[in-house]
Amino acid sequence: MESRLDIDVEREMVQQIYMGFAAGPIQRDLIAKFGHRAPHEKTVKRRIAKLMPPQSAEPWSLTGGDPEEAAQVLDVAIIVFKQTQGRIWLDRETAGLVARLRQIDPSLPQWIFYLMALRYLVRAKEGKDTRDLDIMLGVQPWRGENEVEYFVNILTTCFDDFQWRLKELEATSTVIKDLRQSDKKA
């Protein structure tokens, strides 16, 4: 059973995982920042496996997709590459999902599409239901407290297994909300 981390430690770990860092550097940084509250490296490795889908062998390229996909993906691929300082380039599977997600609300920051694509891919890999992710995209709880309340209400009243869904989405939602706030300041 995985130990429960303090939310500030969990948030920092999740941000670094999404930035493409490996378990060792993440764990060392968490120790430097949080001391004894930092998780063991095995815990970080388990979280990486849970949050990051395995990359397909083929990286996405402008030359390999159709023009509509390219228009939806290129700026996201660039943002992910820049934000991760070259550690991550979208693969074909992730890029295809990003293109689909962009059609929902193209005004959202590119990084959100990347994060949501990761959540969908991990769920698919695990054979888990994605209805809560669909609802999350529709409600967009990172926009404000009313949306958060509405989203949580839907999860708690419509899903018997809402506890794991909330726990899994909590850190991702926090990262998205932090990104939206930093966009507003910029």
Foldseek 3Di string as FASTA:
>chain_A
DQDDADLVLVLQLVVVLLLQDQLVVSQVVSCVVPNPRGDDSVNSVVVSLQQAADADPAFDDPVPDDPLLCVQQVVLQVVSCVSSVNNDGHRPQLSVQSSVLCVLPVVADSVLSSRLSSNVNSCVVVVHDCVLSVVCSVLVPLVDDVSVVVSLVCLVVPDPPSVVVCVVCVSVSVVSNVVVVVVVVD
